[in-house]
Amino acid sequence: MRKLPLLSSSAMSHHPPLSLYHVAHRRNRLWSPRGRIGRLQYCNRALMAGLIYNVVSYLPFLLGYLSIDVMTLEIFFYIGSMYLVFSLALGAFVALQAKRRLNDQNRSGWTLILAVFPIVNVWLICTIIFARGTPGSNGFGPAPPPPTRSERRHFWYLLIAHIALFVAIMQYAPVHLNATL
C-alpha cells in the first residue's frame, strides 16, 4: 500500500485550510448592530430590503391572487399577520443598518429615537443618507472600506428596480381596481 506524502508544518503555515463553518467577523454580519457601514452600503441594504418588501407585498395583489372574490375574513387576518411579521423583521433590519450608519458618523444608535418626531425624522433620514462618516477610526470601530464599483452598480440597479416596480404598480393598479369593481 502506497502512503501519501504529508505536508510539512511550514507548508501548512502559509496556506491554512479554510474552515467549513467559517463565520464572518461580527462587524461584517448583516444583522449585527456593531461596527460601521458607509453611505452606499447602507443605501444598498435599505433598497434591497424595500424591494423585497414591495415585491412580497404587492405581487400577490398584482397577480390577482388576493382579489375580493377570493378573500375571506380568515385569509385576510392570516395574510395581515404574515405581512405584519414580515414588516417588523424588515423594519428591524433597516433600523440595525441605520444604527450602524449612525455609528459611522460617531453617533449613538439611540439617535434613532428621534425618528418618531415629525420633521426631525426627515432631518435624521437625510443625515443618515447624505452625511459623511468620520474619517479613520472612531469609538465604534475602524472606518468602513470605500465603496467598490460593484456596490455602485448595485445601487443603480436597485434604484432602477424600485422605480420600475413603482411605475408598474401605478400603471396596473387602476386597471386591476376597475376590473374587480
Protein backbone atom coordinates (compact mmCIF):
# COMPACT_ATOMS: atom_id res chain seq x y z
CA MET A 1 0.00 0.00 0.00
CA ARG A 2 1.40 3.35 -1.04
CA LYS A 3 1.46 6.19 1.50
CA LEU A 4 0.56 9.71 0.51
CA PRO A 5 3.12 12.39 1.31
CA LEU A 6 2.23 14.57 4.26
CA LEU A 7 2.51 18.32 4.12
CA SER A 8 5.20 19.80 6.26
CA SER A 9 4.28 22.23 9.02
CA SER A 10 5.90 25.10 7.10
CA ALA A 11 3.63 24.46 4.08
CA MET A 12 0.60 24.45 6.34
CA SER A 13 1.51 27.78 7.92
CA HIS A 14 1.47 29.59 4.56
CA HIS A 15 -1.92 28.32 3.45
CA PRO A 16 -4.15 27.45 6.38
CA PRO A 17 -7.17 25.37 5.43
CA LEU A 18 -10.47 27.20 5.26
CA SER A 19 -12.91 26.19 7.91
CA LEU A 20 -16.10 24.63 6.67
CA TYR A 21 -18.05 26.68 9.17
CA HIS A 22 -16.24 29.98 8.75
CA VAL A 23 -18.22 32.80 10.35
CA ALA A 24 -17.63 36.37 9.29
CA HIS A 25 -16.36 38.80 11.88
CA ARG A 26 -19.19 40.23 13.96
CA ARG A 27 -18.82 43.68 12.41
CA ASN A 28 -19.37 42.22 8.93
CA ARG A 29 -22.57 40.31 9.67
CA LEU A 30 -25.79 41.70 8.23
CA TRP A 31 -27.80 41.50 11.45
CA SER A 32 -25.07 42.75 13.75
CA PRO A 33 -25.62 46.11 15.47
CA ARG A 34 -21.87 46.58 15.87
CA GLY A 35 -19.47 48.30 13.54
CA ARG A 36 -19.82 50.92 10.86
CA ILE A 37 -21.14 50.96 7.31
CA GLY A 38 -20.77 53.60 4.64
CA ARG A 39 -23.48 55.56 2.86
CA LEU A 40 -23.61 53.42 -0.24
CA GLN A 41 -23.62 50.16 1.69
CA TYR A 42 -26.49 51.46 3.84
CA CYS A 43 -28.47 52.58 0.78
CA ASN A 44 -27.93 49.22 -0.92
CA ARG A 45 -29.12 47.29 2.11
CA ALA A 46 -32.13 49.55 2.69
CA LEU A 47 -33.07 49.49 -1.00
CA MET A 48 -32.80 45.70 -1.13
CA ALA A 49 -34.98 45.35 1.97
CA GLY A 50 -37.50 47.77 0.49
CA LEU A 51 -37.53 45.96 -2.84
CA ILE A 52 -38.10 42.61 -1.15
CA TYR A 53 -40.90 44.09 0.92
CA ASN A 54 -42.60 45.72 -2.07
CA VAL A 55 -42.39 42.63 -4.24
CA VAL A 56 -43.71 40.35 -1.50
CA SER A 57 -46.42 42.84 -0.55
CA TYR A 58 -47.75 43.80 -3.96
CA LEU A 59 -47.07 40.84 -6.22
CA PRO A 60 -50.00 38.72 -4.95
CA PHE A 61 -52.35 41.68 -5.48
CA LEU A 62 -50.97 42.42 -8.94
CA LEU A 63 -51.30 38.79 -9.98
CA GLY A 64 -54.91 38.70 -8.78
CA TYR A 65 -54.40 36.07 -6.09
CA LEU A 66 -55.92 38.27 -3.43
CA SER A 67 -58.98 39.60 -5.19
CA ILE A 68 -62.18 40.49 -3.38
CA ASP A 69 -63.87 37.36 -4.76
CA VAL A 70 -61.36 35.02 -3.07
CA MET A 71 -60.73 36.95 0.15
CA THR A 72 -62.41 35.70 3.31
CA LEU A 73 -62.01 37.08 6.80
CA GLU A 74 -59.73 34.19 7.82
CA ILE A 75 -57.48 34.67 4.79
CA PHE A 76 -57.39 38.40 5.41
CA PHE A 77 -56.25 38.01 9.03
CA TYR A 78 -53.73 35.31 8.12
CA ILE A 79 -52.18 37.39 5.35
CA GLY A 80 -52.33 40.52 7.50
CA SER A 81 -50.47 38.84 10.35
CA MET A 82 -47.85 37.45 7.94
CA TYR A 83 -47.31 40.93 6.49
CA LEU A 84 -47.04 42.37 9.99
CA VAL A 85 -44.32 39.89 10.98
CA PHE A 86 -42.54 40.41 7.66
CA SER A 87 -42.73 44.20 8.04
CA LEU A 88 -41.38 44.08 11.58
CA ALA A 89 -38.45 41.89 10.52
CA LEU A 90 -37.50 44.15 7.62
CA GLY A 91 -38.03 47.24 9.77
CA ALA A 92 -35.69 45.82 12.42
CA PHE A 93 -33.11 45.07 9.72
CA VAL A 94 -33.23 48.61 8.34
CA ALA A 95 -33.09 50.06 11.87
CA LEU A 96 -29.95 48.00 12.61
CA GLN A 97 -28.36 49.25 9.42
CA ALA A 98 -29.31 52.84 10.31
CA LYS A 99 -27.71 52.36 13.72
CA ARG A 100 -24.50 51.18 12.08
CA ARG A 101 -24.67 54.17 9.74
CA LEU A 102 -25.00 56.50 12.74
CA ASN A 103 -22.03 54.71 14.30
CA ASP A 104 -20.06 55.68 11.18
CA GLN A 105 -20.88 59.30 11.99
CA ASN A 106 -19.71 58.74 15.60
CA ARG A 107 -23.27 58.97 16.93
CA SER A 108 -25.10 56.59 19.19
CA GLY A 109 -27.83 54.34 17.86
CA TRP A 110 -30.16 55.91 20.41
CA THR A 111 -30.37 58.85 17.99
CA LEU A 112 -32.87 56.74 16.04
CA ILE A 113 -35.46 57.55 18.73
CA LEU A 114 -35.69 60.98 17.10
CA ALA A 115 -37.38 59.29 14.12
CA VAL A 116 -40.72 59.32 15.95
CA PHE A 117 -40.91 63.12 15.79
CA PRO A 118 -42.26 64.75 12.62
CA ILE A 119 -39.83 66.95 10.67
CA VAL A 120 -36.97 65.73 12.86
CA ASN A 121 -37.32 62.31 11.20
CA VAL A 122 -36.78 63.91 7.76
CA TRP A 123 -33.61 65.55 9.06
CA LEU A 124 -32.48 62.23 10.54
CA ILE A 125 -33.05 60.32 7.31
CA CYS A 126 -31.17 62.96 5.31
CA THR A 127 -28.33 62.83 7.83
CA ILE A 128 -28.14 59.04 7.66
CA ILE A 129 -28.10 59.00 3.87
CA PHE A 130 -26.06 62.09 2.95
CA ALA A 131 -23.71 62.95 5.84
CA ARG A 132 -20.17 61.62 5.61
CA GLY A 133 -18.79 59.32 8.27
CA THR A 134 -15.91 60.28 10.49
CA PRO A 135 -12.56 59.64 8.82
CA GLY A 136 -10.44 56.93 10.38
CA SER A 137 -11.35 55.01 13.48
CA ASN A 138 -13.86 56.27 15.99
CA GLY A 139 -15.40 54.85 19.14
CA PHE A 140 -17.43 52.35 17.11
CA GLY A 141 -14.60 50.75 15.17
CA PRO A 142 -12.44 51.22 12.11
CA ALA A 143 -13.67 53.12 9.07
CA PRO A 144 -15.63 51.08 6.55
CA PRO A 145 -13.86 50.33 3.29
CA PRO A 146 -14.58 52.68 0.39
CA PRO A 147 -17.37 51.58 -1.97
CA THR A 148 -16.39 49.38 -4.89
CA ARG A 149 -17.57 49.69 -8.47
CA SER A 150 -19.76 46.67 -7.87
CA GLU A 151 -21.50 48.38 -4.94
CA ARG A 152 -22.07 51.50 -7.04
CA ARG A 153 -23.51 49.39 -9.83
CA HIS A 154 -25.80 47.55 -7.38
CA PHE A 155 -27.07 50.88 -6.07
CA TRP A 156 -28.16 52.00 -9.53
CA TYR A 157 -29.71 48.61 -10.34
CA LEU A 158 -31.69 48.63 -7.10
CA LEU A 159 -32.82 52.22 -7.63
CA ILE A 160 -33.97 51.44 -11.19
CA ALA A 161 -35.76 48.31 -9.95
CA HIS A 162 -37.61 50.41 -7.34
CA ILE A 163 -38.66 52.95 -9.94
CA ALA A 164 -39.76 50.21 -12.36
CA LEU A 165 -41.80 48.47 -9.67
CA PHE A 166 -43.42 51.75 -8.67
CA VAL A 167 -44.34 52.54 -12.30
CA ALA A 168 -45.72 49.02 -12.77
CA ILE A 169 -47.86 49.31 -9.67
CA MET A 170 -49.13 52.75 -10.67
CA GLN A 171 -49.96 51.54 -14.19
CA TYR A 172 -51.55 48.24 -13.21
CA ALA A 173 -53.38 49.16 -10.01
CA PRO A 174 -56.11 51.30 -11.66
CA VAL A 175 -56.72 48.60 -14.27
CA HIS A 176 -56.94 45.92 -11.59
CA LEU A 177 -59.28 48.00 -9.41
CA ASN A 178 -61.63 48.76 -12.33
CA ALA A 179 -61.74 45.08 -13.26
CA THR A 180 -62.79 44.00 -9.76
CA LEU A 181 -65.38 46.70 -9.13
